[in-house]
C-alpha atoms as a PDB file:
ATOM      1  CA  MET A   1       1.452   7.590  18.259  1.00  0.00           C
ATOM      2  CA  ASP A   2      -1.931   8.811  19.447  1.00  0.00           C
ATOM      3  CA  ALA A   3      -4.983   9.541  17.337  1.00  0.00           C
ATOM      4  CA  ALA A   4      -4.456  13.320  17.463  1.00  0.00           C
ATOM      5  CA  ASN A   5      -1.037  13.056  15.818  1.00  0.00           C
ATOM      6  CA  LEU A   6      -2.042  11.026  12.772  1.00  0.00           C
ATOM      7  CA  PRO A   7      -1.461  12.704   9.424  1.00  0.00           C
ATOM      8  CA  ALA A   8      -4.505  14.321   7.845  1.00  0.00           C
ATOM      9  CA  VAL A   9      -4.063  12.225   4.691  1.00  0.00           C
ATOM     10  CA  TYR A  10      -5.137   9.043   6.475  1.00  0.00           C
ATOM     11  CA  PRO A  11      -8.552   8.318   4.881  1.00  0.00           C
ATOM     12  CA  PHE A  12     -10.199   6.626   7.863  1.00  0.00           C
ATOM     13  CA  LYS A  13     -11.047   7.685  11.370  1.00  0.00           C
ATOM     14  CA  SER A  14      -7.797   7.719  13.298  1.00  0.00           C
ATOM     15  CA  GLU A  15      -9.393   6.034  16.322  1.00  0.00           C
ATOM     16  CA  ASP A  16     -10.345   3.068  14.115  1.00  0.00           C
ATOM     17  CA  ALA A  17      -6.780   2.763  12.860  1.00  0.00           C
ATOM     18  CA  LEU A  18      -5.389   2.608  16.363  1.00  0.00           C
ATOM     19  CA  ALA A  19      -8.031   0.114  17.457  1.00  0.00           C
ATOM     20  CA  TYR A  20      -7.237  -2.324  14.668  1.00  0.00           C
ATOM     21  CA  GLY A  21      -3.479  -1.850  14.589  1.00  0.00           C
ATOM     22  CA  ASP A  22      -3.492  -1.056  10.871  1.00  0.00           C
ATOM     23  CA  LEU A  23      -0.417   0.091   9.024  1.00  0.00           C
ATOM     24  CA  LEU A  24      -0.201   3.814   9.531  1.00  0.00           C
ATOM     25  CA  PRO A  25       1.566   6.157   7.128  1.00  0.00           C
ATOM     26  CA  ALA A  26       4.232   6.795   9.754  1.00  0.00           C
ATOM     27  CA  GLN A  27       4.944   3.050   9.994  1.00  0.00           C
ATOM     28  CA  TYR A  28       5.215   2.768   6.233  1.00  0.00           C
ATOM     29  CA  TYR A  29       7.563   5.723   5.912  1.00  0.00           C
ATOM     30  CA  ASP A  30       9.667   4.423   8.811  1.00  0.00           C
ATOM     31  CA  MET A  31      10.054   1.134   6.922  1.00  0.00           C
ATOM     32  CA  VAL A  32      10.978   2.850   3.687  1.00  0.00           C
ATOM     33  CA  ALA A  33      13.316   5.390   5.275  1.00  0.00           C
ATOM     34  CA  GLY A  34      14.854   2.790   7.563  1.00  0.00           C
ATOM     35  CA  ARG A  35      15.917   0.462   4.780  1.00  0.00           C
ATOM     36  CA  ARG A  36      19.283  -1.028   5.442  1.00  0.00           C
ATOM     37  CA  ARG A  37      21.556  -1.103   2.469  1.00  0.00           C
ATOM     38  CA  GLY A  38      22.802  -4.542   1.701  1.00  0.00           C
ATOM     39  CA  ASP A  39      19.605  -6.304   2.756  1.00  0.00           C
ATOM     40  CA  GLY A  40      18.311  -7.079  -0.702  1.00  0.00           C
ATOM     41  CA  ALA A  41      15.754  -9.660   0.442  1.00  0.00           C
ATOM     42  CA  ARG A  42      13.944  -7.153   2.678  1.00  0.00           C
ATOM     43  CA  ASP A  43      14.073  -4.501  -0.045  1.00  0.00           C
ATOM     44  CA  LEU A  44      12.575  -6.967  -2.518  1.00  0.00           C
ATOM     45  CA  MET A  45       9.881  -8.026  -0.038  1.00  0.00           C
ATOM     46  CA  LEU A  46       8.922  -4.396   0.535  1.00  0.00           C
ATOM     47  CA  ALA A  47       8.799  -3.796  -3.226  1.00  0.00           C
ATOM     48  CA  VAL A  48       6.521  -6.836  -3.675  1.00  0.00           C
ATOM     49  CA  LEU A  49       4.188  -5.587  -0.913  1.00  0.00           C
ATOM     50  CA  GLU A  50       4.098  -2.076  -2.380  1.00  0.00           C
ATOM     51  CA  ASP A  51       3.387  -3.397  -5.872  1.00  0.00           C
ATOM     52  CA  GLY A  52       0.653  -5.753  -4.656  1.00  0.00           C
ATOM     53  CA  ILE A  53      -1.135  -3.010  -2.752  1.00  0.00           C
ATOM     54  CA  ARG A  54      -0.644  -0.549  -5.620  1.00  0.00           C
ATOM     55  CA  CYS A  55      -2.163  -3.024  -8.122  1.00  0.00           C
ATOM     56  CA  TYR A  56      -5.097  -3.620  -5.783  1.00  0.00           C
ATOM     57  CA  VAL A  57      -5.734   0.062  -5.089  1.00  0.00           C
ATOM     58  CA  THR A  58      -5.192   1.619  -8.498  1.00  0.00           C
ATOM     59  CA  ASN A  59      -7.261  -0.979 -10.336  1.00  0.00           C
ATOM     60  CA  ILE A  60     -10.159  -1.413  -7.910  1.00  0.00           C
ATOM     61  CA  ALA A  61     -12.621   0.325 -10.243  1.00  0.00           C
ATOM     62  CA  ALA A  62     -10.926  -0.736 -13.473  1.00  0.00           C
ATOM     63  CA  LYS A  63     -12.870  -0.624 -16.701  1.00  0.00           C
ATOM     64  CA  THR A  64     -10.522  -2.630 -18.921  1.00  0.00           C
ATOM     65  CA  ALA A  65     -10.073  -6.393 -18.732  1.00  0.00           C
ATOM     66  CA  ARG A  66      -6.322  -6.061 -18.263  1.00  0.00           C
ATOM     67  CA  ARG A  67      -6.629  -3.744 -15.272  1.00  0.00           C
ATOM     68  CA  ARG A  68      -9.448  -5.848 -13.743  1.00  0.00           C
ATOM     69  CA  ARG A  69      -7.151  -8.870 -14.039  1.00  0.00           C
ATOM     70  CA  LEU A  70      -4.367  -6.966 -12.251  1.00  0.00           C
ATOM     71  CA  HIS A  71      -6.760  -6.108  -9.426  1.00  0.00           C
ATOM     72  CA  ASP A  72      -8.057  -9.691  -9.208  1.00  0.00           C
ATOM     73  CA  GLU A  73      -4.529 -11.122  -9.070  1.00  0.00           C
ATOM     74  CA  ALA A  74      -3.521  -8.678  -6.337  1.00  0.00           C
ATOM     75  CA  LYS A  75      -6.726  -9.409  -4.385  1.00  0.00           C
ATOM     76  CA  SER A  76      -6.100 -13.142  -4.653  1.00  0.00           C
ATOM     77  CA  TRP A  77      -2.532 -12.690  -3.387  1.00  0.00           C
ATOM     78  CA  ILE A  78      -3.700 -10.518  -0.472  1.00  0.00           C
ATOM     79  CA  ASP A  79      -6.569 -12.876   0.445  1.00  0.00           C
ATOM     80  CA  THR A  80      -4.503 -16.089   0.381  1.00  0.00           C
ATOM     81  CA  ARG A  81      -4.060 -17.464   3.898  1.00  0.00           C
ATOM     82  CA  GLY A  82      -1.674 -20.057   5.207  1.00  0.00           C
ATOM     83  CA  ASP A  83       0.906 -19.719   2.423  1.00  0.00           C
ATOM     84  CA  VAL A  84       4.374 -19.955   3.964  1.00  0.00           C
ATOM     85  CA  SER A  85       6.387 -19.055   0.873  1.00  0.00           C
ATOM     86  CA  PRO A  86       8.804 -16.157   1.452  1.00  0.00           C
ATOM     87  CA  PHE A  87       6.907 -13.761  -0.813  1.00  0.00           C
ATOM     88  CA  SER A  88       3.370 -14.530   0.293  1.00  0.00           C
ATOM     89  CA  PHE A  89       1.353 -11.605   1.651  1.00  0.00           C
ATOM     90  CA  GLU A  90       1.340 -13.051   5.181  1.00  0.00           C
ATOM     91  CA  SER A  91       5.089 -13.777   5.197  1.00  0.00           C
ATOM     92  CA  ILE A  92       5.931 -10.273   4.026  1.00  0.00           C
ATOM     93  CA  CYS A  93       3.586  -8.713   6.574  1.00  0.00           C
ATOM     94  CA  GLU A  94       5.163 -10.815   9.308  1.00  0.00           C
ATOM     95  CA  THR A  95       8.638  -9.692   8.225  1.00  0.00           C
ATOM     96  CA  PHE A  96       7.660  -6.035   8.649  1.00  0.00           C
ATOM     97  CA  ASP A  97       5.520  -6.544  11.793  1.00  0.00           C
ATOM     98  CA  ILE A  98       2.293  -5.681   9.987  1.00  0.00           C
ATOM     99  CA  ASP A  99      -0.969  -7.304  11.066  1.00  0.00           C
ATOM    100  CA  ALA A 100      -1.974  -8.992   7.788  1.00  0.00           C
ATOM    101  CA  ASP A 101      -5.620  -9.426   8.793  1.00  0.00           C
ATOM    102  CA  ALA A 102      -5.923  -5.782   9.831  1.00  0.00           C
ATOM    103  CA  LEU A 103      -4.421  -4.634   6.531  1.00  0.00           C
ATOM    104  CA  ARG A 104      -6.831  -6.911   4.646  1.00  0.00           C
ATOM    105  CA  ARG A 105      -9.757  -5.418   6.574  1.00  0.00           C
ATOM    106  CA  GLN A 106      -8.540  -1.903   5.862  1.00  0.00           C
ATOM    107  CA  LEU A 107      -8.228  -2.541   2.127  1.00  0.00           C
ATOM    108  CA  ALA A 108     -11.608  -4.302   1.964  1.00  0.00           C
ATOM    109  CA  ALA A 109     -13.418  -1.634   3.995  1.00  0.00           C
ATOM    110  CA  ALA A 110     -12.119   1.330   2.053  1.00  0.00           C
ATOM    111  CA  PRO A 111     -14.697   2.640  -0.387  1.00  0.00           C
ATOM    112  CA  PRO A 112     -13.495   2.617  -4.014  1.00  0.00           C
ATOM    113  CA  ARG A 113     -13.602   6.417  -4.179  1.00  0.00           C
ATOM    114  CA  MET A 114     -10.953   6.523  -1.435  1.00  0.00           C
ATOM    115  CA  LEU A 115      -8.723   4.130  -3.354  1.00  0.00           C
ATOM    116  CA  ARG A 116      -9.077   5.652  -6.805  1.00  0.00           C
ATOM    117  CA  ARG A 117      -6.000   6.753  -8.620  1.00  0.00           C
ATOM    118  CA  ILE A 118      -5.554  10.464  -8.211  1.00  0.00           C
ATOM    119  CA  ARG A 119      -4.609  12.075 -11.465  1.00  0.00           C
ATOM    120  CA  THR A 120      -2.577  15.193 -11.313  1.00  0.00           C
ATOM    121  CA  PRO A 121      -2.857  17.627 -14.182  1.00  0.00           C
ATOM    122  CA  LYS A 122       0.127  17.633 -16.454  1.00  0.00           C
ATOM    123  CA  THR A 123       1.876  20.940 -16.544  1.00  0.00           C
ATOM    124  CA  ARG A 124       3.892  22.169 -19.439  1.00  0.00           C
ATOM    125  CA  ARG A 125       7.347  23.327 -18.624  1.00  0.00           C
ATOM    126  CA  ARG A 126       8.912  26.127 -20.494  1.00  0.00           C
ATOM    127  CA  VAL A 127      12.497  25.742 -21.466  1.00  0.00           C
ATOM    128  CA  LEU A 128      14.345  28.997 -21.411  1.00  0.00           C
ATOM    129  CA  ALA A 129      17.312  29.447 -23.666  1.00  0.00           C
ATOM    130  CA  HIS A 130      20.364  30.873 -21.999  1.00  0.00           C
ATOM    131  CA  ALA A 131      22.469  33.247 -23.991  1.00  0.00           C
END
């Protein structure tokens, strides 16, 4: 994939992403879409990675103690090096051919405004009665 074909939602310069070998949206969606049924360990590993990154990203500018703790725990898990347990950040990244250091750099370099939770306005749905 070249820099010109990267999705517009990627928050960083596409040339930087290709230079560092970061996880691109296309790689992520290939992993999710390419899940093999019956491989529960890989599915669980992907869920752990998604949850860890989600906790890090959505709580980066947290105001409550609980949400700050969630961010700190996720950051600690992501920053731990040399752990060989099956569900460590590095082991999971290795399983999915993700450069763990590049992903760490990408998460650390992203400004908090880029990682903030985007709130969508709630819309009211009308229920129509059928006669």
